[in-house]
């Protein structure tokens, strides 16, 4: 089972370059409990980028760069399938 509704979709974030940014997402209820990953501009993010931490439903960027700006989507995945959240925009100025 994987419900459609995200308990908390990510919201838009505006941050100054060099500052940390946090996008939060609470995935829909599911059985088994869905795991959360993130996509930026349609491309799945890798947690191999050391500036990037994905913990629970949070995406944390240690120090943002202009290149981090874009549209982020929270993806909930379990054996049934995956659901994308509404997009959120990260603006870096």
N, C-alpha and C. Protein backbone atom coordinates (compact mmCIF):
# COMPACT_ATOMS: atom_id res chain seq x y z
N UNK A 1 0.85 -1.18 0.00
CA UNK A 1 0.00 0.00 0.00
C UNK A 1 0.89 1.24 0.00
N UNK A 2 0.51 2.22 -0.81
CA UNK A 2 1.19 3.52 -0.77
C UNK A 2 0.15 4.58 -1.10
N UNK A 3 -0.18 5.37 -0.09
CA UNK A 3 -1.22 6.38 -0.28
C UNK A 3 -0.71 7.49 -1.19
N UNK A 4 -1.62 8.31 -1.71
CA UNK A 4 -1.25 9.38 -2.64
C UNK A 4 -0.80 10.65 -1.93
N UNK A 5 -1.33 10.87 -0.74
CA UNK A 5 -1.16 12.18 -0.12
C UNK A 5 0.09 12.26 0.75
N UNK A 6 0.94 13.23 0.41
CA UNK A 6 2.11 13.50 1.24
C UNK A 6 1.63 14.18 2.51
N UNK A 7 2.10 13.69 3.67
CA UNK A 7 1.69 14.31 4.93
C UNK A 7 2.25 15.72 5.05
N UNK A 8 3.43 15.95 4.48
CA UNK A 8 3.98 17.30 4.38
C UNK A 8 4.80 17.40 3.12
N UNK A 9 4.26 18.05 2.08
CA UNK A 9 5.06 18.25 0.87
C UNK A 9 6.11 19.33 1.13
N UNK A 10 7.21 19.30 0.38
CA UNK A 10 8.23 20.34 0.57
C UNK A 10 7.69 21.71 0.15
N UNK A 11 8.20 22.75 0.81
CA UNK A 11 7.81 24.12 0.46
C UNK A 11 8.98 24.84 -0.17
N UNK A 12 8.69 25.95 -0.84
CA UNK A 12 9.75 26.74 -1.47
C UNK A 12 10.70 27.29 -0.41
N UNK A 13 11.98 27.37 -0.75
CA UNK A 13 13.00 27.87 0.17
C UNK A 13 13.83 28.92 -0.56
N UNK A 14 14.05 30.05 0.13
CA UNK A 14 14.92 31.10 -0.40
C UNK A 14 16.09 31.23 0.56
N UNK A 15 17.31 31.20 0.03
CA UNK A 15 18.49 31.19 0.88
C UNK A 15 19.62 31.97 0.20
N UNK A 16 20.50 32.54 1.02
CA UNK A 16 21.68 33.22 0.48
C UNK A 16 22.75 32.19 0.18
N UNK A 17 23.51 32.41 -0.89
CA UNK A 17 24.61 31.51 -1.25
C UNK A 17 25.54 31.36 -0.05
N UNK A 18 25.97 30.12 0.21
CA UNK A 18 26.86 29.85 1.34
C UNK A 18 26.13 29.46 2.61
N UNK A 19 24.82 29.76 2.67
CA UNK A 19 24.03 29.39 3.83
C UNK A 19 23.50 27.96 3.67
N UNK A 20 23.18 27.30 4.79
CA UNK A 20 22.57 25.97 4.66
C UNK A 20 21.10 26.09 4.24
N UNK A 21 20.61 25.07 3.56
CA UNK A 21 19.20 25.03 3.15
C UNK A 21 18.63 23.68 3.56
N UNK A 22 17.38 23.68 4.00
CA UNK A 22 16.70 22.44 4.37
C UNK A 22 15.35 22.39 3.68
N UNK A 23 15.12 21.31 2.95
CA UNK A 23 13.80 21.04 2.36
C UNK A 23 13.23 19.86 3.15
N UNK A 24 12.00 20.02 3.63
CA UNK A 24 11.39 18.97 4.45
C UNK A 24 10.22 18.33 3.74
N UNK A 25 10.09 17.03 3.96
CA UNK A 25 9.03 16.27 3.32
C UNK A 25 8.64 15.14 4.25
N UNK A 26 7.33 14.98 4.46
CA UNK A 26 6.85 13.81 5.20
C UNK A 26 6.06 12.98 4.19
N UNK A 27 6.57 11.76 3.88
CA UNK A 27 5.95 10.97 2.81
C UNK A 27 4.57 10.46 3.20
N UNK A 28 3.82 9.98 2.21
CA UNK A 28 2.51 9.39 2.51
C UNK A 28 2.69 8.15 3.37
N UNK A 29 1.63 7.77 4.06
CA UNK A 29 1.68 6.51 4.80
C UNK A 29 1.71 5.36 3.80
N UNK A 30 2.40 4.31 4.17
CA UNK A 30 2.49 3.16 3.27
C UNK A 30 2.87 1.93 4.04
N UNK A 31 2.64 0.78 3.42
CA UNK A 31 3.04 -0.47 4.04
C UNK A 31 3.71 -1.32 2.96
N UNK A 32 5.01 -1.59 3.03
CA UNK A 32 5.94 -1.12 4.07
C UNK A 32 6.15 0.40 4.02
N UNK A 33 6.64 0.96 5.12
CA UNK A 33 6.90 2.40 5.22
C UNK A 33 7.78 2.84 4.05
N UNK A 34 7.37 3.87 3.29
CA UNK A 34 8.17 4.25 2.12
C UNK A 34 9.49 4.91 2.50
N UNK A 35 10.48 4.73 1.65
CA UNK A 35 11.74 5.46 1.81
C UNK A 35 11.63 6.74 1.00
N UNK A 36 12.43 7.73 1.36
CA UNK A 36 12.37 9.03 0.70
C UNK A 36 13.66 9.29 -0.05
N UNK A 37 13.53 9.72 -1.29
CA UNK A 37 14.68 10.23 -2.04
C UNK A 37 14.23 11.56 -2.65
N UNK A 38 15.15 12.23 -3.31
CA UNK A 38 14.85 13.55 -3.86
C UNK A 38 15.31 13.63 -5.31
N UNK A 39 14.57 14.44 -6.08
CA UNK A 39 14.98 14.75 -7.44
C UNK A 39 15.13 16.26 -7.56
N UNK A 40 16.16 16.67 -8.31
CA UNK A 40 16.33 18.09 -8.63
C UNK A 40 16.22 18.23 -10.13
N UNK A 41 15.29 19.07 -10.57
CA UNK A 41 15.05 19.28 -12.01
C UNK A 41 14.88 17.94 -12.74
N UNK A 42 14.19 17.01 -12.06
CA UNK A 42 13.86 15.72 -12.68
C UNK A 42 14.93 14.65 -12.55
N UNK A 43 16.09 14.99 -11.96
CA UNK A 43 17.20 14.03 -11.85
C UNK A 43 17.37 13.61 -10.39
N UNK A 44 17.40 12.30 -10.14
CA UNK A 44 17.53 11.81 -8.77
C UNK A 44 18.87 12.25 -8.18
N UNK A 45 18.82 12.74 -6.95
CA UNK A 45 20.03 13.21 -6.27
C UNK A 45 20.77 12.03 -5.66
N UNK A 46 22.09 12.09 -5.71
CA UNK A 46 22.92 11.07 -5.10
C UNK A 46 23.40 11.59 -3.75
N UNK A 47 23.41 10.72 -2.75
CA UNK A 47 23.91 11.17 -1.44
C UNK A 47 25.43 11.05 -1.37
N UNK A 48 26.06 10.86 -2.54
CA UNK A 48 27.53 10.83 -2.56
C UNK A 48 28.11 12.25 -2.54
N UNK A 49 27.27 13.25 -2.81
CA UNK A 49 27.71 14.64 -2.69
C UNK A 49 27.81 14.96 -1.21
N UNK A 50 29.04 15.26 -0.74
CA UNK A 50 29.24 15.42 0.70
C UNK A 50 28.56 16.66 1.27
N UNK A 51 28.13 17.60 0.41
CA UNK A 51 27.39 18.76 0.93
C UNK A 51 25.93 18.44 1.19
N UNK A 52 25.52 17.25 0.76
CA UNK A 52 24.12 16.89 0.75
C UNK A 52 23.84 15.78 1.77
N UNK A 53 22.83 15.97 2.60
CA UNK A 53 22.45 14.92 3.54
C UNK A 53 20.95 14.67 3.39
N UNK A 54 20.58 13.41 3.27
CA UNK A 54 19.16 13.05 3.27
C UNK A 54 18.92 12.22 4.52
N UNK A 55 18.13 12.76 5.44
CA UNK A 55 17.86 12.06 6.69
C UNK A 55 16.36 12.12 6.94
N UNK A 56 15.74 10.95 7.03
CA UNK A 56 14.28 10.94 7.14
C UNK A 56 13.74 11.57 5.87
N UNK A 57 12.87 12.55 6.02
CA UNK A 57 12.35 13.23 4.83
C UNK A 57 13.05 14.55 4.55
N UNK A 58 14.13 14.82 5.28
CA UNK A 58 14.81 16.11 5.12
C UNK A 58 15.94 16.03 4.12
N UNK A 59 16.01 17.02 3.27
CA UNK A 59 17.15 17.19 2.38
C UNK A 59 17.91 18.41 2.89
N UNK A 60 19.16 18.20 3.31
CA UNK A 60 19.95 19.29 3.87
C UNK A 60 21.15 19.57 2.98
N UNK A 61 21.31 20.82 2.60
CA UNK A 61 22.47 21.27 1.84
C UNK A 61 23.33 22.09 2.78
N UNK A 62 24.57 21.66 2.97
CA UNK A 62 25.45 22.29 3.96
C UNK A 62 25.74 23.74 3.61
N UNK A 63 26.20 24.01 2.42
CA UNK A 63 26.42 25.40 2.03
C UNK A 63 26.00 25.52 0.58
N UNK A 64 24.94 26.27 0.37
CA UNK A 64 24.33 26.32 -0.95
C UNK A 64 25.18 27.10 -1.94
N UNK A 65 25.08 26.70 -3.19
CA UNK A 65 25.72 27.40 -4.30
C UNK A 65 24.62 27.83 -5.25
N UNK A 66 24.95 28.78 -6.11
CA UNK A 66 23.99 29.20 -7.14
C UNK A 66 23.48 27.99 -7.93
N UNK A 67 24.39 27.02 -8.16
CA UNK A 67 24.03 25.85 -8.97
C UNK A 67 23.03 24.93 -8.27
N UNK A 68 22.81 25.12 -6.96
CA UNK A 68 21.83 24.29 -6.24
C UNK A 68 20.40 24.76 -6.49
N UNK A 69 20.24 25.98 -7.01
CA UNK A 69 18.90 26.49 -7.27
C UNK A 69 18.20 25.59 -8.28
N UNK A 70 16.90 25.42 -8.09
CA UNK A 70 16.14 24.60 -9.03
C UNK A 70 14.86 24.10 -8.40
N UNK A 71 14.24 23.16 -9.08
CA UNK A 71 12.97 22.59 -8.63
C UNK A 71 13.23 21.21 -8.04
N UNK A 72 12.83 21.05 -6.79
CA UNK A 72 13.06 19.80 -6.06
C UNK A 72 11.73 19.08 -5.83
N UNK A 73 11.80 17.75 -5.95
CA UNK A 73 10.63 16.90 -5.73
C UNK A 73 11.02 15.80 -4.76
N UNK A 74 10.18 15.59 -3.77
CA UNK A 74 10.37 14.51 -2.80
C UNK A 74 9.71 13.25 -3.38
N UNK A 75 10.44 12.14 -3.36
CA UNK A 75 9.94 10.88 -3.93
C UNK A 75 9.81 9.83 -2.84
N UNK A 76 8.60 9.32 -2.64
CA UNK A 76 8.36 8.24 -1.68
C UNK A 76 8.29 6.93 -2.45
N UNK A 77 9.06 5.94 -1.99
CA UNK A 77 9.15 4.67 -2.72
C UNK A 77 8.96 3.49 -1.77
N UNK A 78 8.12 2.54 -2.17
CA UNK A 78 8.11 1.23 -1.52
C UNK A 78 7.82 0.18 -2.59
N UNK A 79 7.58 -1.06 -2.17
CA UNK A 79 7.43 -2.14 -3.16
C UNK A 79 6.27 -1.92 -4.11
N UNK A 80 5.28 -1.13 -3.70
CA UNK A 80 4.10 -0.90 -4.55
C UNK A 80 4.42 0.06 -5.69
N UNK A 81 5.34 0.99 -5.43
CA UNK A 81 5.65 1.96 -6.47
C UNK A 81 6.24 3.21 -5.88
N UNK A 82 6.13 4.31 -6.62
CA UNK A 82 6.62 5.56 -6.07
C UNK A 82 5.66 6.69 -6.36
N UNK A 83 5.72 7.69 -5.49
CA UNK A 83 4.90 8.87 -5.64
C UNK A 83 5.80 10.09 -5.55
N UNK A 84 5.55 11.07 -6.42
CA UNK A 84 6.27 12.33 -6.38
C UNK A 84 5.43 13.38 -5.67
N UNK A 85 6.09 14.19 -4.85
CA UNK A 85 5.40 15.30 -4.19
C UNK A 85 5.17 16.43 -5.20
N UNK A 86 4.45 17.44 -4.78
CA UNK A 86 4.38 18.68 -5.53
C UNK A 86 5.80 19.26 -5.55
N UNK A 87 6.18 19.95 -6.62
CA UNK A 87 7.53 20.52 -6.66
C UNK A 87 7.70 21.70 -5.71
N UNK A 88 8.93 21.87 -5.23
CA UNK A 88 9.28 23.02 -4.41
C UNK A 88 10.49 23.67 -5.06
N UNK A 89 10.56 24.99 -4.99
CA UNK A 89 11.68 25.69 -5.62
C UNK A 89 12.68 26.15 -4.58
N UNK A 90 13.95 25.91 -4.87
CA UNK A 90 15.04 26.45 -4.04
C UNK A 90 15.63 27.61 -4.81
N UNK A 91 15.57 28.79 -4.18
CA UNK A 91 16.11 30.01 -4.78
C UNK A 91 17.36 30.38 -4.01
N UNK A 92 18.49 30.55 -4.71
CA UNK A 92 19.75 30.93 -4.08
C UNK A 92 20.16 32.29 -4.62
N UNK A 93 20.30 33.25 -3.71
CA UNK A 93 20.68 34.60 -4.17
C UNK A 93 22.02 35.02 -3.60
